[in-house]
């Protein structure tokens, strides 16, 4: 019985899953929209990163729900991060910029 249900609503289930995924990803972009790099002032959302937890935040955000309880760990990581741009991140990783001055 349940197998027939999933066959019947396969496309709908895929669309809802895709829509929810995009909502979770766009929530990060909405957060970054009003921020800029602490070092150089870059404000382009596509360039901004959470230092030092960017990969972990982005990995977790696509896996958890949209409610506050589900996002508790993500919010903790975001609050303990600094926002920098990709260029400044590269400089930090290559010891050209000291992250303690951010």
C-alpha atoms as a PDB file:
ATOM      1  CA  UNK A   1       0.000   0.000   0.000  1.00  0.00           C
ATOM      2  CA  UNK A   2       2.663   2.536   0.951  1.00  0.00           C
ATOM      3  CA  UNK A   3       4.652   1.603  -2.135  1.00  0.00           C
ATOM      4  CA  UNK A   4       1.709   2.652  -4.317  1.00  0.00           C
ATOM      5  CA  UNK A   5       1.461   5.916  -2.430  1.00  0.00           C
ATOM      6  CA  UNK A   6       5.100   6.804  -3.164  1.00  0.00           C
ATOM      7  CA  UNK A   7       4.764   5.798  -6.804  1.00  0.00           C
ATOM      8  CA  UNK A   8       1.667   7.931  -7.181  1.00  0.00           C
ATOM      9  CA  UNK A   9       3.177  10.991  -5.494  1.00  0.00           C
ATOM     10  CA  UNK A  10       6.805  10.515  -6.512  1.00  0.00           C
ATOM     11  CA  UNK A  11       7.099  13.807  -8.417  1.00  0.00           C
ATOM     12  CA  UNK A  12       5.285  15.760  -5.711  1.00  0.00           C
ATOM     13  CA  UNK A  13       7.568  14.358  -3.019  1.00  0.00           C
ATOM     14  CA  UNK A  14      10.638  15.279  -5.080  1.00  0.00           C
ATOM     15  CA  UNK A  15       9.386  18.835  -5.632  1.00  0.00           C
ATOM     16  CA  UNK A  16       8.612  19.388  -1.948  1.00  0.00           C
ATOM     17  CA  UNK A  17      12.013  18.003  -0.955  1.00  0.00           C
ATOM     18  CA  UNK A  18      13.729  20.270  -3.481  1.00  0.00           C
ATOM     19  CA  UNK A  19      11.735  23.325  -2.328  1.00  0.00           C
ATOM     20  CA  UNK A  20      12.581  22.692   1.332  1.00  0.00           C
ATOM     21  CA  UNK A  21      16.284  22.250   0.481  1.00  0.00           C
ATOM     22  CA  UNK A  22      16.318  25.619  -1.288  1.00  0.00           C
ATOM     23  CA  UNK A  23      14.579  27.283   1.669  1.00  0.00           C
ATOM     24  CA  UNK A  24      17.283  26.018   4.019  1.00  0.00           C
ATOM     25  CA  UNK A  25      20.099  27.181   1.743  1.00  0.00           C
ATOM     26  CA  UNK A  26      18.487  30.557   1.117  1.00  0.00           C
ATOM     27  CA  UNK A  27      18.166  31.137   4.865  1.00  0.00           C
ATOM     28  CA  UNK A  28      21.981  31.330   5.057  1.00  0.00           C
ATOM     29  CA  UNK A  29      22.052  33.791   2.163  1.00  0.00           C
ATOM     30  CA  UNK A  30      19.370  35.909   3.862  1.00  0.00           C
ATOM     31  CA  UNK A  31      21.518  36.039   6.990  1.00  0.00           C
ATOM     32  CA  UNK A  32      24.556  37.134   4.958  1.00  0.00           C
ATOM     33  CA  UNK A  33      22.563  39.718   2.987  1.00  0.00           C
ATOM     34  CA  UNK A  34      22.951  42.413   5.653  1.00  0.00           C
ATOM     35  CA  UNK A  35      26.587  41.646   6.484  1.00  0.00           C
ATOM     36  CA  UNK A  36      29.991  42.367   5.016  1.00  0.00           C
ATOM     37  CA  UNK A  37      33.569  41.145   5.345  1.00  0.00           C
ATOM     38  CA  UNK A  38      35.087  42.312   8.615  1.00  0.00           C
ATOM     39  CA  UNK A  39      38.451  42.954   6.986  1.00  0.00           C
ATOM     40  CA  UNK A  40      37.827  44.500   3.551  1.00  0.00           C
ATOM     41  CA  UNK A  41      34.106  45.370   3.626  1.00  0.00           C
ATOM     42  CA  UNK A  42      33.050  43.105   0.713  1.00  0.00           C
ATOM     43  CA  UNK A  43      29.257  42.727   0.793  1.00  0.00           C
ATOM     44  CA  UNK A  44      28.527  40.386  -2.128  1.00  0.00           C
ATOM     45  CA  UNK A  45      26.655  37.437  -0.584  1.00  0.00           C
ATOM     46  CA  UNK A  46      28.243  34.906  -2.955  1.00  0.00           C
ATOM     47  CA  UNK A  47      31.696  35.864  -1.637  1.00  0.00           C
ATOM     48  CA  UNK A  48      30.967  35.789   2.090  1.00  0.00           C
ATOM     49  CA  UNK A  49      31.985  32.939   4.398  1.00  0.00           C
ATOM     50  CA  UNK A  50      31.645  32.119   8.079  1.00  0.00           C
ATOM     51  CA  UNK A  51      35.138  31.903   9.548  1.00  0.00           C
ATOM     52  CA  UNK A  52      36.153  29.313  10.743  1.00  0.00           C
ATOM     53  CA  UNK A  53      32.983  27.176  10.577  1.00  0.00           C
ATOM     54  CA  UNK A  54      31.711  27.784   7.017  1.00  0.00           C
ATOM     55  CA  UNK A  55      31.901  24.191   5.776  1.00  0.00           C
ATOM     56  CA  UNK A  56      30.293  22.791   8.913  1.00  0.00           C
ATOM     57  CA  UNK A  57      27.484  25.388   8.873  1.00  0.00           C
ATOM     58  CA  UNK A  58      26.672  24.771   5.216  1.00  0.00           C
ATOM     59  CA  UNK A  59      26.816  21.008   5.681  1.00  0.00           C
ATOM     60  CA  UNK A  60      24.460  21.094   8.660  1.00  0.00           C
ATOM     61  CA  UNK A  61      22.029  23.665   7.279  1.00  0.00           C
ATOM     62  CA  UNK A  62      20.959  21.384   4.432  1.00  0.00           C
ATOM     63  CA  UNK A  63      20.367  18.481   6.797  1.00  0.00           C
ATOM     64  CA  UNK A  64      18.283  20.083   9.550  1.00  0.00           C
ATOM     65  CA  UNK A  65      14.742  21.459   9.611  1.00  0.00           C
ATOM     66  CA  UNK A  66      13.716  25.095   9.634  1.00  0.00           C
ATOM     67  CA  UNK A  67      12.509  25.311  13.227  1.00  0.00           C
ATOM     68  CA  UNK A  68      14.577  26.863  16.015  1.00  0.00           C
ATOM     69  CA  UNK A  69      15.119  23.607  17.874  1.00  0.00           C
ATOM     70  CA  UNK A  70      16.613  21.925  14.802  1.00  0.00           C
ATOM     71  CA  UNK A  71      18.885  24.861  14.107  1.00  0.00           C
ATOM     72  CA  UNK A  72      20.293  25.219  17.610  1.00  0.00           C
ATOM     73  CA  UNK A  73      23.756  23.884  16.673  1.00  0.00           C
ATOM     74  CA  UNK A  74      23.836  25.851  13.430  1.00  0.00           C
ATOM     75  CA  UNK A  75      23.000  29.082  15.255  1.00  0.00           C
ATOM     76  CA  UNK A  76      25.704  28.362  17.824  1.00  0.00           C
ATOM     77  CA  UNK A  77      28.265  27.906  15.020  1.00  0.00           C
ATOM     78  CA  UNK A  78      27.098  31.067  13.254  1.00  0.00           C
ATOM     79  CA  UNK A  79      27.332  33.100  16.458  1.00  0.00           C
ATOM     80  CA  UNK A  80      30.873  31.877  17.087  1.00  0.00           C
ATOM     81  CA  UNK A  81      31.980  32.733  13.536  1.00  0.00           C
ATOM     82  CA  UNK A  82      33.152  35.912  11.896  1.00  0.00           C
ATOM     83  CA  UNK A  83      32.029  36.891   8.418  1.00  0.00           C
ATOM     84  CA  UNK A  84      34.806  37.318   5.885  1.00  0.00           C
ATOM     85  CA  UNK A  85      35.005  37.169   2.095  1.00  0.00           C
ATOM     86  CA  UNK A  86      36.607  34.410   0.051  1.00  0.00           C
ATOM     87  CA  UNK A  87      39.672  36.529  -0.740  1.00  0.00           C
ATOM     88  CA  UNK A  88      40.361  37.290   2.909  1.00  0.00           C
ATOM     89  CA  UNK A  89      39.830  33.609   3.758  1.00  0.00           C
ATOM     90  CA  UNK A  90      42.510  32.681   1.235  1.00  0.00           C
ATOM     91  CA  UNK A  91      44.816  35.269   2.797  1.00  0.00           C
ATOM     92  CA  UNK A  92      44.192  33.825   6.272  1.00  0.00           C
ATOM     93  CA  UNK A  93      44.839  30.282   5.065  1.00  0.00           C
ATOM     94  CA  UNK A  94      48.141  31.394   3.507  1.00  0.00           C
ATOM     95  CA  UNK A  95      49.245  33.400   6.570  1.00  0.00           C
ATOM     96  CA  UNK A  96      48.976  36.717   4.738  1.00  0.00           C
ATOM     97  CA  UNK A  97      46.315  38.007   7.110  1.00  0.00           C
ATOM     98  CA  UNK A  98      46.136  37.511  10.858  1.00  0.00           C
ATOM     99  CA  UNK A  99      42.664  36.258  11.870  1.00  0.00           C
ATOM    100  CA  UNK A 100      43.020  37.665  15.389  1.00  0.00           C
ATOM    101  CA  UNK A 101      42.652  41.198  13.992  1.00  0.00           C
ATOM    102  CA  UNK A 102      39.172  40.488  12.623  1.00  0.00           C
END
